[in-house]
Protein backbone atom coordinates (compact mmCIF):
# COMPACT_ATOMS: atom_id res chain seq x y z
CA MET A 1 -18.65 -5.88 -8.42
CA GLU A 2 -17.26 -9.29 -7.42
CA ARG A 3 -18.45 -10.77 -10.72
CA GLU A 4 -16.44 -8.12 -12.57
CA LEU A 5 -13.38 -8.16 -10.33
CA TRP A 6 -12.70 -11.87 -9.99
CA PRO A 7 -12.30 -12.76 -13.71
CA ARG A 8 -9.79 -9.92 -14.10
CA LEU A 9 -7.90 -10.93 -10.96
CA TYR A 10 -7.90 -14.58 -12.00
CA HIS A 11 -6.49 -13.97 -15.47
CA LEU A 12 -3.94 -11.47 -14.11
CA VAL A 13 -2.62 -14.00 -11.59
CA MET A 14 -2.52 -16.77 -14.19
CA GLU A 15 -0.60 -14.55 -16.63
CA VAL A 16 1.93 -13.14 -14.18
CA GLY A 17 2.23 -16.52 -12.45
CA LYS A 18 3.77 -18.00 -15.59
CA THR A 19 6.94 -16.02 -14.81
CA LEU A 20 7.44 -17.72 -11.45
CA ARG A 21 7.63 -21.51 -11.26
CA ILE A 22 9.36 -23.50 -8.52
CA THR A 23 10.13 -27.21 -8.13
CA ASP A 24 9.34 -29.72 -5.41
CA VAL A 25 5.95 -28.21 -4.51
CA THR A 26 2.45 -29.49 -5.11
CA PHE A 27 0.94 -26.04 -5.54
CA GLN A 28 2.69 -23.36 -7.58
CA PRO A 29 2.80 -19.79 -6.15
CA HIS A 30 -0.01 -18.55 -8.39
CA ILE A 31 -2.40 -21.15 -6.91
CA ILE A 32 -1.55 -20.00 -3.39
CA VAL A 33 -2.10 -16.37 -4.36
CA LEU A 34 -5.39 -17.16 -6.12
CA VAL A 35 -6.81 -18.83 -3.01
CA PHE A 36 -5.58 -15.99 -0.81
CA LEU A 37 -7.14 -13.37 -3.11
CA TRP A 38 -10.45 -15.24 -3.09
CA ALA A 39 -10.45 -15.03 0.72
CA ALA A 40 -9.45 -11.34 0.71
CA LEU A 41 -12.10 -10.43 -1.86
CA HIS A 42 -14.76 -11.87 0.44
CA ASP A 43 -13.16 -10.68 3.72
CA ARG A 44 -12.88 -14.25 4.94
CA PRO A 45 -10.04 -16.21 6.58
CA VAL A 46 -7.89 -18.38 4.35
CA CYS A 47 -9.34 -21.60 5.77
CA TRP A 48 -12.71 -20.56 4.30
CA ALA A 49 -11.17 -20.30 0.82
CA CYS A 50 -9.73 -23.82 1.11
CA GLU A 51 -13.21 -25.37 1.06
CA GLU A 52 -14.60 -26.33 -2.35
CA ARG A 53 -18.17 -25.39 -1.38
CA ASN A 54 -17.18 -21.73 -0.96
CA TRP A 55 -16.13 -21.32 -4.60
CA ALA A 56 -19.21 -20.21 -6.54
CA THR A 57 -17.30 -19.76 -9.81
CA THR A 58 -15.79 -21.83 -12.60
CA LEU A 59 -12.61 -19.74 -12.46
CA GLN A 60 -10.86 -21.63 -9.70
CA PRO A 61 -7.88 -23.96 -9.18
CA TRP A 62 -8.39 -27.62 -10.06
CA THR A 63 -7.44 -28.61 -6.53
CA LEU A 64 -7.31 -26.52 -3.37
CA PRO A 65 -4.53 -26.61 -0.75
CA SER A 66 -5.32 -27.52 2.84
CA PRO A 67 -5.44 -24.66 5.37
CA SER A 68 -2.15 -25.76 6.91
CA THR A 69 -0.44 -25.92 3.50
CA LEU A 70 -1.78 -22.50 2.54
CA SER A 71 -0.74 -20.96 5.86
CA ARG A 72 2.77 -22.39 5.52
CA ARG A 73 3.17 -21.31 1.90
CA LEU A 74 2.00 -17.76 2.65
CA ARG A 75 5.13 -17.34 4.77
CA ARG A 76 7.45 -18.18 1.87
CA LEU A 77 9.39 -15.68 -0.19
CA ASP A 78 8.02 -16.88 -3.54
CA THR A 79 4.46 -15.94 -2.49
CA ALA A 80 5.57 -12.43 -1.50
CA MET A 81 7.50 -12.07 -4.76
CA LEU A 82 4.46 -12.95 -6.85
CA MET A 83 2.19 -10.61 -4.87
CA ARG A 84 4.66 -7.77 -5.35
CA ALA A 85 4.87 -8.53 -9.09
CA LEU A 86 1.07 -8.39 -9.36
CA VAL A 87 0.83 -4.99 -7.66
CA LEU A 88 3.63 -3.72 -9.91
CA ARG A 89 1.83 -5.00 -13.01
CA ILE A 90 -1.32 -3.05 -12.12
CA ARG A 91 0.70 0.07 -11.35
CA GLN A 92 2.30 -0.04 -14.80
CA GLU A 93 -1.14 0.53 -16.37
CA GLY A 94 -0.71 4.28 -15.68
CA ASP A 95 2.04 6.84 -16.17
CA PRO A 96 3.86 8.78 -13.41
CA GLN A 97 2.39 12.25 -12.82
CA LEU A 98 3.93 15.52 -11.69
CA LEU A 99 2.17 15.30 -8.32
CA ALA A 100 2.55 12.54 -5.75
CA VAL A 101 1.37 12.44 -2.15
CA ILE A 102 3.05 10.70 0.78
CA ASP A 103 1.14 9.72 3.89
CA ALA A 104 0.44 6.82 6.26
CA LYS A 105 -2.83 5.05 7.06
CA PRO A 106 -3.24 3.46 10.52
CA LEU A 107 -4.22 -0.21 10.57
CA PRO A 108 -5.23 -0.76 14.21
CA VAL A 109 -5.82 -4.09 15.88
CA GLY A 110 -7.87 -4.74 19.00
CA GLY A 111 -6.44 -3.60 22.29
CA ALA A 112 -6.58 -7.16 23.61
CA SER A 113 -4.61 -8.56 20.66
CA GLU A 114 -1.55 -10.59 21.60
CA ASP A 115 0.21 -9.93 18.29
CA PRO A 116 3.86 -9.51 19.42
CA GLU A 117 4.77 -7.40 16.37
CA ALA A 118 1.98 -4.82 16.72
CA ARG A 119 3.03 -1.59 18.40
CA CYS A 120 1.28 1.37 20.03
CA SER A 121 1.47 4.89 18.64
CA ARG A 122 -0.68 7.80 17.57
CA GLY A 123 -3.08 6.99 14.78
CA ALA A 124 -6.11 8.88 13.43
CA GLY A 125 -6.12 11.39 16.30
CA MET A 126 -5.84 8.85 19.09
CA LEU A 127 -3.50 6.28 20.59
CA ALA A 128 -3.84 2.91 18.91
CA LYS A 129 -2.08 -0.42 18.57
CA GLY A 130 -1.31 -2.10 15.29
CA TYR A 131 0.39 -1.30 12.00
CA LYS A 132 0.52 1.43 9.38
CA LEU A 133 0.41 1.46 5.61
CA TYR A 134 3.14 3.91 4.54
CA ALA A 135 2.57 4.85 0.92
CA ILE A 136 3.31 7.30 -1.87
CA LEU A 137 0.31 7.67 -4.16
CA GLY A 138 -0.01 9.22 -7.57
CA GLU A 139 -2.77 8.84 -10.14
CA ARG A 140 -2.01 5.20 -10.94
CA PRO A 141 -4.26 2.32 -9.82
CA THR A 142 -1.87 1.18 -7.07
CA PRO A 143 0.62 3.17 -4.95
CA GLU A 144 3.92 4.23 -6.44
CA THR A 145 5.56 2.43 -3.53
CA TYR A 146 4.44 1.29 -0.09
CA ARG A 147 5.46 -0.49 3.10
CA VAL A 148 3.66 -2.01 6.08
CA TYR A 149 5.39 -1.58 9.44
CA PRO A 150 4.37 -1.48 13.11
CA MET A 151 2.56 1.72 14.00
CA ASN A 152 5.38 3.20 16.07
CA ILE A 153 7.83 3.49 13.15
CA SER A 154 8.48 7.14 12.26
CA GLU A 155 6.83 8.31 9.05
CA SER A 156 9.84 10.44 8.16
CA LYS A 157 12.21 7.47 8.51
CA VAL A 158 10.05 5.30 6.27
CA ALA A 159 9.87 8.19 3.78
CA GLU A 160 13.64 8.03 3.38
CA GLU A 161 13.19 4.39 2.35
CA LEU A 162 10.24 4.97 0.01
CA ILE A 163 11.25 8.11 -1.88
CA PRO A 164 14.33 6.70 -3.69
CA GLN A 165 12.02 4.20 -5.44
CA LEU A 166 10.05 6.95 -7.19
CA THR A 167 10.37 7.44 -10.93
CA GLY A 168 9.78 10.64 -12.84
CA CYS A 169 9.92 14.09 -11.27
CA GLY A 170 7.67 16.81 -9.90
CA TYR A 171 6.19 17.74 -6.52
CA LEU A 172 5.84 15.41 -3.54
CA LEU A 173 3.20 16.59 -1.05
CA GLY A 174 3.31 15.65 2.63
CA ASP A 175 2.19 16.91 6.00
CA GLY A 176 4.30 18.27 8.86
CA GLU A 177 5.54 14.77 9.77
CA TYR A 178 7.87 14.95 6.76
CA ASP A 179 9.44 18.32 7.62
CA ALA A 180 12.94 16.88 8.10
CA ASN A 181 16.14 17.66 6.23
CA PRO A 182 16.93 14.00 5.30
CA VAL A 183 13.47 13.63 3.74
CA PHE A 184 13.91 16.82 1.69
CA ASP A 185 17.32 15.60 0.51
CA ALA A 186 15.94 12.17 -0.45
CA ALA A 187 13.14 13.80 -2.45
CA GLY A 188 15.56 16.16 -4.19
CA ALA A 189 17.84 13.28 -5.14
CA ALA A 190 14.85 11.46 -6.65
CA GLY A 191 13.87 14.48 -8.77
CA TYR A 192 11.03 15.71 -6.56
CA GLN A 193 10.53 18.89 -4.60
CA LEU A 194 8.92 18.01 -1.30
CA LEU A 195 6.24 20.45 -0.12
CA ALA A 196 5.50 20.05 3.58
CA PRO A 197 4.45 22.69 6.14
CA ARG A 198 6.85 23.48 8.93
CA LYS A 199 6.12 21.80 12.24
CA ASP A 200 6.60 25.13 14.02
CA PRO A 201 6.11 27.98 11.52
CA GLY A 202 7.09 30.63 14.08
CA ALA A 203 10.46 29.09 14.95
CA GLY A 204 13.74 30.13 13.39
CA LEU A 205 15.99 27.90 11.34
CA GLY A 206 18.66 27.60 14.03
CA HIS A 207 22.37 27.38 13.36
CA ARG A 208 22.55 23.97 11.71
CA CYS A 209 23.00 23.56 7.99
CA GLN A 210 19.62 23.26 6.28
CA SER A 211 18.78 21.23 3.21
CA GLN A 212 18.60 23.41 0.12
CA TYR A 213 15.35 21.65 -0.73
CA ARG A 214 13.85 22.53 2.65
CA LEU A 215 14.81 26.16 2.19
CA ARG A 216 13.26 26.06 -1.26
CA CYS A 217 10.09 24.56 0.23
CA ILE A 218 9.81 27.37 2.78
CA GLU A 219 10.14 29.89 -0.03
CA LEU A 220 7.64 28.13 -2.28
CA MET A 221 5.01 27.64 0.41
CA GLY A 222 4.77 31.40 0.67
CA SER A 223 3.56 31.79 -2.93
CA ALA A 224 -0.05 31.52 -4.10
CA PHE A 225 0.89 29.02 -6.83
CA ASP A 226 2.47 26.50 -4.51
CA ARG A 227 -0.20 26.93 -1.88
CA GLY A 228 -2.60 25.93 -4.63
CA VAL A 229 -0.44 22.95 -5.52
CA TYR A 230 -0.22 21.90 -1.88
CA SER A 231 -4.00 21.99 -1.56
CA GLN A 232 -4.00 18.86 -3.78
CA ARG A 233 -2.65 16.91 -0.80
CA ARG A 234 -6.22 16.52 0.45
CA ARG A 235 -6.88 14.02 -2.31
CA ILE A 236 -5.00 11.34 -0.40
CA GLU A 237 -7.78 11.38 2.17
CA ARG A 238 -10.26 10.67 -0.62
CA THR A 239 -7.98 7.95 -2.00
CA TYR A 240 -7.72 6.19 1.35
CA GLY A 241 -11.46 6.63 1.81
CA ASN A 242 -12.19 5.06 -1.58
CA MET A 243 -10.00 2.08 -0.69
CA THR A 244 -12.42 1.22 2.11
CA SER A 245 -15.74 2.21 0.56
CA PHE A 246 -16.64 -1.03 -1.25
CA GLY A 247 -17.11 -4.68 -0.42
CA GLY A 248 -13.68 -6.32 -0.39
CA GLY A 249 -11.90 -3.03 0.26
CA LEU A 250 -9.23 -2.19 2.83
CA SER A 251 -11.45 -2.23 5.92
CA PRO A 252 -9.99 -2.45 9.45
CA LEU A 253 -7.71 -5.43 9.90
CA PRO A 254 -9.69 -8.61 10.59
CA ALA A 255 -8.87 -10.88 13.49
CA TRP A 256 -6.94 -13.33 11.28
CA ALA A 257 -4.55 -10.70 9.83
CA ARG A 258 -1.81 -10.58 12.44
CA HIS A 259 2.00 -10.42 12.36
CA GLN A 260 3.74 -8.06 9.96
CA ASN A 261 4.20 -10.52 7.10
CA ARG A 262 0.54 -11.60 7.09
CA VAL A 263 -0.65 -7.99 7.40
CA TRP A 264 1.54 -7.00 4.43
CA LEU A 265 0.02 -9.80 2.32
CA TRP A 266 -3.51 -8.83 3.34
CA VAL A 267 -2.92 -5.13 2.55
CA SER A 268 -1.23 -6.00 -0.76
CA ALA A 269 -4.23 -8.14 -1.74
CA LYS A 270 -6.57 -5.25 -0.93
CA LEU A 271 -4.45 -2.80 -2.94
CA LEU A 272 -4.54 -5.22 -5.87
CA ILE A 273 -8.32 -5.58 -5.63
CA ASN A 274 -8.75 -1.81 -5.40
CA GLY A 275 -6.41 -1.30 -8.37
CA GLU A 276 -8.53 -3.61 -10.53
CA ARG A 277 -11.68 -1.80 -9.37
CA ILE A 278 -10.17 1.53 -10.43
CA MET A 279 -9.27 0.11 -13.84
CA ILE A 280 -12.84 -1.08 -14.32
CA LYS A 281 -14.20 2.35 -13.41
CA LYS A 282 -11.81 4.09 -15.79
CA GLY A 283 -12.46 1.59 -18.55
CA LEU A 284 -8.83 0.47 -18.76
CA ALA A 285 -7.93 -2.83 -20.40
CA ALA A 286 -7.12 -5.84 -18.27
């Protein structure tokens, strides 16, 4: 798979990298991203990718940055901008669908980690420390939108940030974590009807004003049609599973992916790699 993935990733970075050039640097952003992607594809630290002997391909930069230069440049805004542009480019290979799913994937670190930005919260049925990938996924190769935050950040609060970036319209499927009036209002404003089960189905609605979209959800979830639609939410578990089921996929965070900025870059690289893998499987053009 690496022999198929790398040429596509290389040419994608070279093409998109033409749109971002900066002065007074030895290595342009696309070179930094190429070296970082080579490390991520092989699940190795960035210092490994800075050694010429570890590049068994002709598709490589003419010169490689030193580990210190690469580490410093990965903290710059231009690197993040190019990585975001690459993920967006892959996402544009598909069209928005009527169904989208919102959920979070825990990205735990070791309990002995001294990462000052990692936080403890509930993840995958147990208490854990680390980060979470908060994402809205459709049928396109990469998420419709995503964020990486410490694990203790509320999923419903991040949803209010993610949902306004959606395009199109249809149903947005979530679990009980998203049963909150502000989330329903954000989805309605974006053209989506959020379907999420009530946290406490036996409780009343109280005396506070309820979102019209939440009331609509309660009504819809009682019908056979919308229960059938909501059953499609299970596909996000398969999607997250497929992200981790191949060499170079989004496996648990390695020891060198620490601090929120570096974790975001690592996750973005993995999403980009997985997006290219999906395009290969579906026979889509580069």
